[in-house]
Amino acid sequence: MKITWSPLAVEQVQDIAAYIAFDKPSVAIEWAEKIFNSVNQLIEFPDSGRIVPEIKRKEIRELVLKNHRIIYKVKSKEILILVVKNYHQILKKDDIKV
C-alpha cells in the first residue's frame, strides 16, 4: 500500500504548522509528526478511519487527530490523502475531488 499526498493536503499541513509555529515552534513540529505518524499507520490499516459523514462513501474516510481531520481515499494499492482541515471547518465539496 502506497501513500500519496494531494498538493492541497500538503499545503494545508504546511499552513497549519506555520500558524502553530508563530507561538510555539516545537509544538508545530510535534503536531506535524503526529499527522505523518497517523497517516503512516494507514499502510497497515487503511480502513481504520471512519467514513466521512458528509460524503458517506466507503472509500472516503477520515482520521480525527484532536482538532484536525485527515480525509483520505482508499484505492486498491494506494491511499490518497485528500485534505487536512481543522475539525470545526466546514468540508466543502470542492475540497474533495474524487
PDB file of N, CA and C in Angstrom:
ATOM      1  N   MET A   1       0.851  -1.181   0.000  1.00  0.00           N
ATOM      2  CA  MET A   1       0.000   0.000   0.000  1.00  0.00           C
ATOM      3  C   MET A   1       0.893   1.239   0.000  1.00  0.00           C
ATOM      4  N   LYS A   2       0.620   2.144  -0.885  1.00  0.00           N
ATOM      5  CA  LYS A   2       1.412   3.361  -1.033  1.00  0.00           C
ATOM      6  C   LYS A   2       0.579   4.564  -0.582  1.00  0.00           C
ATOM      7  N   ILE A   3       1.219   5.544   0.046  1.00  0.00           N
ATOM      8  CA  ILE A   3       0.528   6.765   0.461  1.00  0.00           C
ATOM      9  C   ILE A   3       0.940   7.898  -0.471  1.00  0.00           C
ATOM     10  N   THR A   4      -0.060   8.601  -0.995  1.00  0.00           N
ATOM     11  CA  THR A   4       0.167   9.753  -1.854  1.00  0.00           C
ATOM     12  C   THR A   4      -0.577  10.946  -1.258  1.00  0.00           C
ATOM     13  N   TRP A   5       0.117  12.067  -1.152  1.00  0.00           N
ATOM     14  CA  TRP A   5      -0.485  13.295  -0.633  1.00  0.00           C
ATOM     15  C   TRP A   5      -0.894  14.184  -1.789  1.00  0.00           C
ATOM     16  N   SER A   6      -2.120  14.704  -1.745  1.00  0.00           N
ATOM     17  CA  SER A   6      -2.538  15.678  -2.749  1.00  0.00           C
ATOM     18  C   SER A   6      -1.796  16.991  -2.478  1.00  0.00           C
ATOM     19  N   PRO A   7      -1.586  17.806  -3.511  1.00  0.00           N
ATOM     20  CA  PRO A   7      -0.955  19.111  -3.291  1.00  0.00           C
ATOM     21  C   PRO A   7      -1.726  19.960  -2.269  1.00  0.00           C
ATOM     22  N   LEU A   8      -3.060  19.873  -2.290  1.00  0.00           N
ATOM     23  CA  LEU A   8      -3.875  20.624  -1.338  1.00  0.00           C
ATOM     24  C   LEU A   8      -3.589  20.186   0.093  1.00  0.00           C
ATOM     25  N   ALA A   9      -3.521  18.886   0.343  1.00  0.00           N
ATOM     26  CA  ALA A   9      -3.265  18.381   1.698  1.00  0.00           C
ATOM     27  C   ALA A   9      -1.889  18.812   2.193  1.00  0.00           C
ATOM     28  N   VAL A  10      -0.891  18.757   1.316  1.00  0.00           N
ATOM     29  CA  VAL A  10       0.459  19.192   1.699  1.00  0.00           C
ATOM     30  C   VAL A  10       0.446  20.672   2.070  1.00  0.00           C
ATOM     31  N   GLU A  11      -0.216  21.465   1.259  1.00  0.00           N
ATOM     32  CA  GLU A  11      -0.310  22.910   1.525  1.00  0.00           C
ATOM     33  C   GLU A  11      -1.020  23.171   2.851  1.00  0.00           C
ATOM     34  N   GLN A  12      -2.073  22.428   3.118  1.00  0.00           N
ATOM     35  CA  GLN A  12      -2.813  22.624   4.364  1.00  0.00           C
ATOM     36  C   GLN A  12      -1.968  22.271   5.584  1.00  0.00           C
ATOM     37  N   VAL A  13      -1.207  21.178   5.514  1.00  0.00           N
ATOM     38  CA  VAL A  13      -0.327  20.810   6.634  1.00  0.00           C
ATOM     39  C   VAL A  13       0.713  21.902   6.843  1.00  0.00           C
ATOM     40  N   GLN A  14       1.287  22.408   5.767  1.00  0.00           N
ATOM     41  CA  GLN A  14       2.285  23.472   5.885  1.00  0.00           C
ATOM     42  C   GLN A  14       1.679  24.729   6.504  1.00  0.00           C
ATOM     43  N   ASP A  15       0.481  25.098   6.067  1.00  0.00           N
ATOM     44  CA  ASP A  15      -0.175  26.299   6.585  1.00  0.00           C
ATOM     45  C   ASP A  15      -0.512  26.168   8.068  1.00  0.00           C
ATOM     46  N   ILE A  16      -1.050  25.022   8.445  1.00  0.00           N
ATOM     47  CA  ILE A  16      -1.422  24.812   9.852  1.00  0.00           C
ATOM     48  C   ILE A  16      -0.172  24.802  10.727  1.00  0.00           C
ATOM     49  N   ALA A  17       0.868  24.111  10.285  1.00  0.00           N
ATOM     50  CA  ALA A  17       2.114  24.065  11.057  1.00  0.00           C
ATOM     51  C   ALA A  17       2.728  25.458  11.186  1.00  0.00           C
ATOM     52  N   ALA A  18       2.688  26.231  10.127  1.00  0.00           N
ATOM     53  CA  ALA A  18       3.227  27.600  10.177  1.00  0.00           C
ATOM     54  C   ALA A  18       2.436  28.459  11.154  1.00  0.00           C
ATOM     55  N   TYR A  19       1.134  28.305  11.169  1.00  0.00           N
ATOM     56  CA  TYR A  19       0.288  29.062  12.099  1.00  0.00           C
ATOM     57  C   TYR A  19       0.624  28.696  13.548  1.00  0.00           C
ATOM     58  N   ILE A  20       0.747  27.416  13.827  1.00  0.00           N
ATOM     59  CA  ILE A  20       1.085  26.956  15.179  1.00  0.00           C
ATOM     60  C   ILE A  20       2.476  27.462  15.570  1.00  0.00           C
ATOM     61  N   ALA A  21       3.393  27.490  14.619  1.00  0.00           N
ATOM     62  CA  ALA A  21       4.783  27.883  14.884  1.00  0.00           C
ATOM     63  C   ALA A  21       4.941  29.350  15.263  1.00  0.00           C
ATOM     64  N   PHE A  22       3.956  30.178  14.929  1.00  0.00           N
ATOM     65  CA  PHE A  22       4.046  31.580  15.345  1.00  0.00           C
ATOM     66  C   PHE A  22       4.222  31.693  16.858  1.00  0.00           C
ATOM     67  N   ASP A  23       3.473  30.890  17.596  1.00  0.00           N
ATOM     68  CA  ASP A  23       3.551  30.927  19.059  1.00  0.00           C
ATOM     69  C   ASP A  23       4.508  29.880  19.620  1.00  0.00           C
ATOM     70  N   LYS A  24       4.471  28.684  19.052  1.00  0.00           N
ATOM     71  CA  LYS A  24       5.242  27.574  19.621  1.00  0.00           C
ATOM     72  C   LYS A  24       5.825  26.695  18.523  1.00  0.00           C
ATOM     73  N   PRO A  25       7.025  26.995  18.072  1.00  0.00           N
ATOM     74  CA  PRO A  25       7.632  26.203  17.006  1.00  0.00           C
ATOM     75  C   PRO A  25       7.763  24.713  17.354  1.00  0.00           C
ATOM     76  N   SER A  26       8.095  24.391  18.580  1.00  0.00           N
ATOM     77  CA  SER A  26       8.261  22.976  18.944  1.00  0.00           C
ATOM     78  C   SER A  26       6.927  22.229  18.890  1.00  0.00           C
ATOM     79  N   VAL A  27       5.851  22.906  19.220  1.00  0.00           N
ATOM     80  CA  VAL A  27       4.522  22.289  19.150  1.00  0.00           C
ATOM     81  C   VAL A  27       4.137  22.046  17.691  1.00  0.00           C
ATOM     82  N   ALA A  28       4.523  22.945  16.816  1.00  0.00           N
ATOM     83  CA  ALA A  28       4.235  22.773  15.388  1.00  0.00           C
ATOM     84  C   ALA A  28       4.936  21.528  14.850  1.00  0.00           C
ATOM     85  N   ILE A  29       6.170  21.312  15.269  1.00  0.00           N
ATOM     86  CA  ILE A  29       6.912  20.125  14.828  1.00  0.00           C
ATOM     87  C   ILE A  29       6.250  18.861  15.364  1.00  0.00           C
ATOM     88  N   GLU A  30       5.882  18.866  16.637  1.00  0.00           N
ATOM     89  CA  GLU A  30       5.197  17.706  17.237  1.00  0.00           C
ATOM     90  C   GLU A  30       3.881  17.420  16.522  1.00  0.00           C
ATOM     91  N   TRP A  31       3.134  18.480  16.211  1.00  0.00           N
ATOM     92  CA  TRP A  31       1.848  18.318  15.531  1.00  0.00           C
ATOM     93  C   TRP A  31       2.051  17.655  14.167  1.00  0.00           C
ATOM     94  N   ALA A  32       3.014  18.167  13.393  1.00  0.00           N
ATOM     95  CA  ALA A  32       3.265  17.611  12.064  1.00  0.00           C
ATOM     96  C   ALA A  32       3.709  16.144  12.157  1.00  0.00           C
ATOM     97  N   GLU A  33       4.543  15.835  13.129  1.00  0.00           N
ATOM     98  CA  GLU A  33       4.980  14.442  13.320  1.00  0.00           C
ATOM     99  C   GLU A  33       3.791  13.532  13.618  1.00  0.00           C
ATOM    100  N   LYS A  34       2.868  14.003  14.450  1.00  0.00           N
ATOM    101  CA  LYS A  34       1.673  13.204  14.768  1.00  0.00           C
ATOM    102  C   LYS A  34       0.819  12.981  13.524  1.00  0.00           C
ATOM    103  N   ILE A  35       0.693  14.004  12.705  1.00  0.00           N
ATOM    104  CA  ILE A  35      -0.082  13.874  11.466  1.00  0.00           C
ATOM    105  C   ILE A  35       0.549  12.792  10.577  1.00  0.00           C
ATOM    106  N   PHE A  36       1.849  12.891  10.353  1.00  0.00           N
ATOM    107  CA  PHE A  36       2.520  11.927   9.469  1.00  0.00           C
ATOM    108  C   PHE A  36       2.537  10.531  10.060  1.00  0.00           C
ATOM    109  N   ASN A  37       2.721  10.401  11.364  1.00  0.00           N
ATOM    110  CA  ASN A  37       2.688   9.078  12.006  1.00  0.00           C
ATOM    111  C   ASN A  37       1.308   8.443  11.887  1.00  0.00           C
ATOM    112  N   SER A  38       0.259   9.233  12.069  1.00  0.00           N
ATOM    113  CA  SER A  38      -1.111   8.716  11.933  1.00  0.00           C
ATOM    114  C   SER A  38      -1.366   8.233  10.517  1.00  0.00           C
ATOM    115  N   VAL A  39      -0.930   9.022   9.552  1.00  0.00           N
ATOM    116  CA  VAL A  39      -1.125   8.649   8.151  1.00  0.00           C
ATOM    117  C   VAL A  39      -0.342   7.381   7.821  1.00  0.00           C
ATOM    118  N   ASN A  40       0.875   7.257   8.323  1.00  0.00           N
ATOM    119  CA  ASN A  40       1.691   6.069   8.033  1.00  0.00           C
ATOM    120  C   ASN A  40       1.051   4.788   8.561  1.00  0.00           C
ATOM    121  N   GLN A  41       0.263   4.883   9.617  1.00  0.00           N
ATOM    122  CA  GLN A  41      -0.422   3.706  10.146  1.00  0.00           C
ATOM    123  C   GLN A  41      -1.476   3.182   9.169  1.00  0.00           C
ATOM    124  N   LEU A  42      -1.916   4.026   8.259  1.00  0.00           N
ATOM    125  CA  LEU A  42      -2.915   3.608   7.271  1.00  0.00           C
ATOM    126  C   LEU A  42      -2.368   2.559   6.305  1.00  0.00           C
ATOM    127  N   ILE A  43      -1.054   2.476   6.183  1.00  0.00           N
ATOM    128  CA  ILE A  43      -0.457   1.471   5.298  1.00  0.00           C
ATOM    129  C   ILE A  43      -0.909   0.075   5.722  1.00  0.00           C
ATOM    130  N   GLU A  44      -0.930  -0.167   7.021  1.00  0.00           N
ATOM    131  CA  GLU A  44      -1.350  -1.478   7.524  1.00  0.00           C
ATOM    132  C   GLU A  44      -2.848  -1.555   7.793  1.00  0.00           C
ATOM    133  N   PHE A  45      -3.460  -0.429   8.118  1.00  0.00           N
ATOM    134  CA  PHE A  45      -4.878  -0.421   8.486  1.00  0.00           C
ATOM    135  C   PHE A  45      -5.625   0.667   7.705  1.00  0.00           C
ATOM    136  N   PRO A  46      -5.779   0.493   6.401  1.00  0.00           N
ATOM    137  CA  PRO A  46      -6.376   1.554   5.579  1.00  0.00           C
ATOM    138  C   PRO A  46      -7.832   1.876   5.914  1.00  0.00           C
ATOM    139  N   ASP A  47      -8.555   0.924   6.457  1.00  0.00           N
ATOM    140  CA  ASP A  47      -9.965   1.175   6.779  1.00  0.00           C
ATOM    141  C   ASP A  47     -10.166   1.572   8.235  1.00  0.00           C
ATOM    142  N   SER A  48      -9.090   1.962   8.910  1.00  0.00           N
ATOM    143  CA  SER A  48      -9.207   2.286  10.334  1.00  0.00           C
ATOM    144  C   SER A  48      -9.922   3.608  10.585  1.00  0.00           C
ATOM    145  N   GLY A  49      -9.913   4.502   9.620  1.00  0.00           N
ATOM    146  CA  GLY A  49     -10.634   5.761   9.775  1.00  0.00           C
ATOM    147  C   GLY A  49     -12.123   5.560   9.558  1.00  0.00           C
ATOM    148  N   ARG A  50     -12.882   6.508  10.076  1.00  0.00           N
ATOM    149  CA  ARG A  50     -14.340   6.404   9.896  1.00  0.00           C
ATOM    150  C   ARG A  50     -14.742   6.954   8.531  1.00  0.00           C
ATOM    151  N   ILE A  51     -15.894   6.529   8.061  1.00  0.00           N
ATOM    152  CA  ILE A  51     -16.451   7.056   6.817  1.00  0.00           C
ATOM    153  C   ILE A  51     -16.820   8.520   7.059  1.00  0.00           C
ATOM    154  N   VAL A  52     -16.473   9.381   6.124  1.00  0.00           N
ATOM    155  CA  VAL A  52     -16.734  10.819   6.272  1.00  0.00           C
ATOM    156  C   VAL A  52     -18.242  11.045   6.248  1.00  0.00           C
ATOM    157  N   PRO A  53     -18.798  11.616   7.333  1.00  0.00           N
ATOM    158  CA  PRO A  53     -20.258  11.753   7.421  1.00  0.00           C
ATOM    159  C   PRO A  53     -20.878  12.574   6.285  1.00  0.00           C
ATOM    160  N   GLU A  54     -20.176  13.608   5.821  1.00  0.00           N
ATOM    161  CA  GLU A  54     -20.742  14.461   4.777  1.00  0.00           C
ATOM    162  C   GLU A  54     -20.782  13.774   3.426  1.00  0.00           C
ATOM    163  N   ILE A  55     -19.963  12.747   3.225  1.00  0.00           N
ATOM    164  CA  ILE A  55     -19.852  12.112   1.914  1.00  0.00           C
ATOM    165  C   ILE A  55     -20.511  10.739   1.881  1.00  0.00           C
ATOM    166  N   LYS A  56     -20.362   9.990   2.957  1.00  0.00           N
ATOM    167  CA  LYS A  56     -20.991   8.672   3.107  1.00  0.00           C
ATOM    168  C   LYS A  56     -20.620   7.697   1.989  1.00  0.00           C
ATOM    169  N   ARG A  57     -19.320   7.649   1.676  1.00  0.00           N
ATOM    170  CA  ARG A  57     -18.813   6.668   0.709  1.00  0.00           C
ATOM    171  C   ARG A  57     -17.741   5.840   1.408  1.00  0.00           C
ATOM    172  N   LYS A  58     -17.814   4.546   1.234  1.00  0.00           N
ATOM    173  CA  LYS A  58     -16.942   3.619   1.950  1.00  0.00           C
ATOM    174  C   LYS A  58     -15.455   3.884   1.724  1.00  0.00           C
ATOM    175  N   GLU A  59     -15.097   4.329   0.531  1.00  0.00           N
ATOM    176  CA  GLU A  59     -13.686   4.530   0.221  1.00  0.00           C
ATOM    177  C   GLU A  59     -13.148   5.888   0.683  1.00  0.00           C
ATOM    178  N   ILE A  60     -14.022   6.802   1.082  1.00  0.00           N
ATOM    179  CA  ILE A  60     -13.599   8.114   1.586  1.00  0.00           C
ATOM    180  C   ILE A  60     -13.706   8.088   3.105  1.00  0.00           C
ATOM    181  N   ARG A  61     -12.556   8.174   3.772  1.00  0.00           N
ATOM    182  CA  ARG A  61     -12.503   8.021   5.227  1.00  0.00           C
ATOM    183  C   ARG A  61     -11.738   9.175   5.845  1.00  0.00           C
ATOM    184  N   GLU A  62     -11.797   9.229   7.175  1.00  0.00           N
ATOM    185  CA  GLU A  62     -11.054  10.276   7.859  1.00  0.00           C
ATOM    186  C   GLU A  62     -10.500   9.779   9.180  1.00  0.00           C
ATOM    187  N   LEU A  63      -9.348  10.316   9.502  1.00  0.00           N
ATOM    188  CA  LEU A  63      -8.770  10.148  10.826  1.00  0.00           C
ATOM    189  C   LEU A  63      -9.004  11.463  11.548  1.00  0.00           C
ATOM    190  N   VAL A  64      -9.391  11.397  12.794  1.00  0.00           N
ATOM    191  CA  VAL A  64      -9.554  12.600  13.593  1.00  0.00           C
ATOM    192  C   VAL A  64      -8.422  12.611  14.609  1.00  0.00           C
ATOM    193  N   LEU A  65      -7.630  13.672  14.562  1.00  0.00           N
ATOM    194  CA  LEU A  65      -6.498  13.820  15.458  1.00  0.00           C
ATOM    195  C   LEU A  65      -6.682  15.128  16.211  1.00  0.00           C
ATOM    196  N   LYS A  66      -7.211  15.012  17.426  1.00  0.00           N
ATOM    197  CA  LYS A  66      -7.562  16.174  18.254  1.00  0.00           C
ATOM    198  C   LYS A  66      -8.471  17.107  17.461  1.00  0.00           C
ATOM    199  N   ASN A  67      -7.968  18.263  17.031  1.00  0.00           N
ATOM    200  CA  ASN A  67      -8.815  19.250  16.354  1.00  0.00           C
ATOM    201  C   ASN A  67      -8.721  19.218  14.830  1.00  0.00           C
ATOM    202  N   HIS A  68      -8.148  18.148  14.290  1.00  0.00           N
ATOM    203  CA  HIS A  68      -7.960  18.105  12.839  1.00  0.00           C
ATOM    204  C   HIS A  68      -8.474  16.807  12.229  1.00  0.00           C
ATOM    205  N   ARG A  69      -8.915  16.940  10.997  1.00  0.00           N
ATOM    206  CA  ARG A  69      -9.410  15.810  10.218  1.00  0.00           C
ATOM    207  C   ARG A  69      -8.451  15.559   9.071  1.00  0.00           C
ATOM    208  N   ILE A  70      -8.075  14.307   8.904  1.00  0.00           N
ATOM    209  CA  ILE A  70      -7.245  13.900   7.776  1.00  0.00           C
ATOM    210  C   ILE A  70      -8.151  13.043   6.895  1.00  0.00           C
ATOM    211  N   ILE A  71      -8.546  13.587   5.770  1.00  0.00           N
ATOM    212  CA  ILE A  71      -9.506  12.905   4.909  1.00  0.00           C
ATOM    213  C   ILE A  71      -8.749  12.246   3.764  1.00  0.00           C
ATOM    214  N   TYR A  72      -9.055  10.970   3.544  1.00  0.00           N
ATOM    215  CA  TYR A  72      -8.312  10.197   2.555  1.00  0.00           C
ATOM    216  C   TYR A  72      -9.227   9.262   1.784  1.00  0.00           C
ATOM    217  N   LYS A  73      -8.700   8.818   0.647  1.00  0.00           N
ATOM    218  CA  LYS A  73      -9.424   7.874  -0.200  1.00  0.00           C
ATOM    219  C   LYS A  73      -8.617   6.584  -0.271  1.00  0.00           C
ATOM    220  N   VAL A  74      -9.308   5.453  -0.056  1.00  0.00           N
ATOM    221  CA  VAL A  74      -8.664   4.146  -0.139  1.00  0.00           C
ATOM    222  C   VAL A  74      -8.885   3.595  -1.543  1.00  0.00           C
ATOM    223  N   LYS A  75      -7.759   3.314  -2.214  1.00  0.00           N
ATOM    224  CA  LYS A  75      -7.798   2.681  -3.527  1.00  0.00           C
ATOM    225  C   LYS A  75      -7.213   1.285  -3.381  1.00  0.00           C
ATOM    226  N   SER A  76      -7.159   0.529  -4.452  1.00  0.00           N
ATOM    227  CA  SER A  76      -6.702  -0.857  -4.354  1.00  0.00           C
ATOM    228  C   SER A  76      -5.260  -0.971  -3.862  1.00  0.00           C
ATOM    229  N   LYS A  77      -4.365  -0.109  -4.327  1.00  0.00           N
ATOM    230  CA  LYS A  77      -2.960  -0.197  -3.923  1.00  0.00           C
ATOM    231  C   LYS A  77      -2.421   1.134  -3.413  1.00  0.00           C
ATOM    232  N   GLU A  78      -3.317   2.057  -3.122  1.00  0.00           N
ATOM    233  CA  GLU A  78      -2.884   3.404  -2.755  1.00  0.00           C
ATOM    234  C   GLU A  78      -3.858   4.031  -1.767  1.00  0.00           C
ATOM    235  N   ILE A  79      -3.306   4.859  -0.895  1.00  0.00           N
ATOM    236  CA  ILE A  79      -4.103   5.711  -0.015  1.00  0.00           C
ATOM    237  C   ILE A  79      -3.792   7.135  -0.432  1.00  0.00           C
ATOM    238  N   LEU A  80      -4.801   7.860  -0.827  1.00  0.00           N
ATOM    239  CA  LEU A  80      -4.625   9.236  -1.278  1.00  0.00           C
ATOM    240  C   LEU A  80      -5.104  10.184  -0.184  1.00  0.00           C
ATOM    241  N   ILE A  81      -4.183  10.959   0.363  1.00  0.00           N
ATOM    242  CA  ILE A  81      -4.538  11.944   1.388  1.00  0.00           C
ATOM    243  C   ILE A  81      -5.085  13.157   0.647  1.00  0.00           C
ATOM    244  N   LEU A  82      -6.344  13.456   0.882  1.00  0.00           N
ATOM    245  CA  LEU A  82      -7.028  14.500   0.125  1.00  0.00           C
ATOM    246  C   LEU A  82      -6.981  15.857   0.804  1.00  0.00           C
ATOM    247  N   VAL A  83      -7.302  15.890   2.107  1.00  0.00           N
ATOM    248  CA  VAL A  83      -7.491  17.154   2.819  1.00  0.00           C
ATOM    249  C   VAL A  83      -7.079  16.986   4.273  1.00  0.00           C
ATOM    250  N   VAL A  84      -6.514  18.058   4.847  1.00  0.00           N
ATOM    251  CA  VAL A  84      -6.263  18.135   6.283  1.00  0.00           C
ATOM    252  C   VAL A  84      -6.888  19.449   6.740  1.00  0.00           C
ATOM    253  N   LYS A  85      -7.917  19.344   7.586  1.00  0.00           N
ATOM    254  CA  LYS A  85      -8.664  20.537   7.998  1.00  0.00           C
ATOM    255  C   LYS A  85      -8.852  20.568   9.501  1.00  0.00           C
ATOM    256  N   ASN A  86      -9.063  21.767  10.007  1.00  0.00           N
ATOM    257  CA  ASN A  86      -9.491  21.909  11.386  1.00  0.00           C
ATOM    258  C   ASN A  86     -10.850  21.244  11.516  1.00  0.00           C
ATOM    259  N   TYR A  87     -11.070  20.561  12.615  1.00  0.00           N
ATOM    260  CA  TYR A  87     -12.303  19.800  12.815  1.00  0.00           C
ATOM    261  C   TYR A  87     -13.553  20.679  12.718  1.00  0.00           C
ATOM    262  N   HIS A  88     -13.415  21.945  13.042  1.00  0.00           N
ATOM    263  CA  HIS A  88     -14.578  22.835  13.066  1.00  0.00           C
ATOM    264  C   HIS A  88     -14.850  23.507  11.714  1.00  0.00           C
ATOM    265  N   GLN A  89     -13.951  23.355  10.763  1.00  0.00           N
ATOM    266  CA  GLN A  89     -14.175  23.936   9.450  1.00  0.00           C
ATOM    267  C   GLN A  89     -15.155  23.077   8.661  1.00  0.00           C
ATOM    268  N   ILE A  90     -15.974  23.743   7.903  1.00  0.00           N
ATOM    269  CA  ILE A  90     -16.937  23.038   7.066  1.00  0.00           C
ATOM    270  C   ILE A  90     -16.198  22.416   5.880  1.00  0.00           C
ATOM    271  N   LEU A  91     -16.486  21.170   5.611  1.00  0.00           N
ATOM    272  CA  LEU A  91     -15.885  20.488   4.479  1.00  0.00           C
ATOM    273  C   LEU A  91     -16.678  20.859   3.223  1.00  0.00           C
ATOM    274  N   LYS A  92     -15.982  21.479   2.273  1.00  0.00           N
ATOM    275  CA  LYS A  92     -16.621  21.891   1.029  1.00  0.00           C
ATOM    276  C   LYS A  92     -16.471  20.787  -0.006  1.00  0.00           C
ATOM    277  N   LYS A  93     -17.446  20.667  -0.873  1.00  0.00           N
ATOM    278  CA  LYS A  93     -17.377  19.638  -1.911  1.00  0.00           C
ATOM    279  C   LYS A  93     -16.163  19.829  -2.813  1.00  0.00           C
ATOM    280  N   ASP A  94     -15.737  21.069  -3.008  1.00  0.00           N
ATOM    281  CA  ASP A  94     -14.570  21.345  -3.838  1.00  0.00           C
ATOM    282  C   ASP A  94     -13.279  20.839  -3.192  1.00  0.00           C
ATOM    283  N   ASP A  95     -13.292  20.657  -1.858  1.00  0.00           N
ATOM    284  CA  ASP A  95     -12.117  20.142  -1.153  1.00  0.00           C
ATOM    285  C   ASP A  95     -11.848  18.691  -1.504  1.00  0.00           C
ATOM    286  N   ILE A  96     -12.894  17.949  -1.803  1.00  0.00           N
ATOM    287  CA  ILE A  96     -12.765  16.536  -2.092  1.00  0.00           C
ATOM    288  C   ILE A  96     -13.048  16.315  -3.575  1.00  0.00           C
ATOM    289  N   LYS A  97     -11.996  16.062  -4.319  1.00  0.00           N
ATOM    290  CA  LYS A  97     -12.168  15.763  -5.744  1.00  0.00           C
ATOM    291  C   LYS A  97     -11.861  14.299  -5.935  1.00  0.00           C
ATOM    292  N   VAL A  98     -12.908  13.512  -6.071  1.00  0.00           N
ATOM    293  CA  VAL A  98     -12.750  12.056  -6.172  1.00  0.00           C
ATOM    294  C   VAL A  98     -13.252  11.532  -7.498  1.00  0.00           C
TER     295      VAL A  98
END
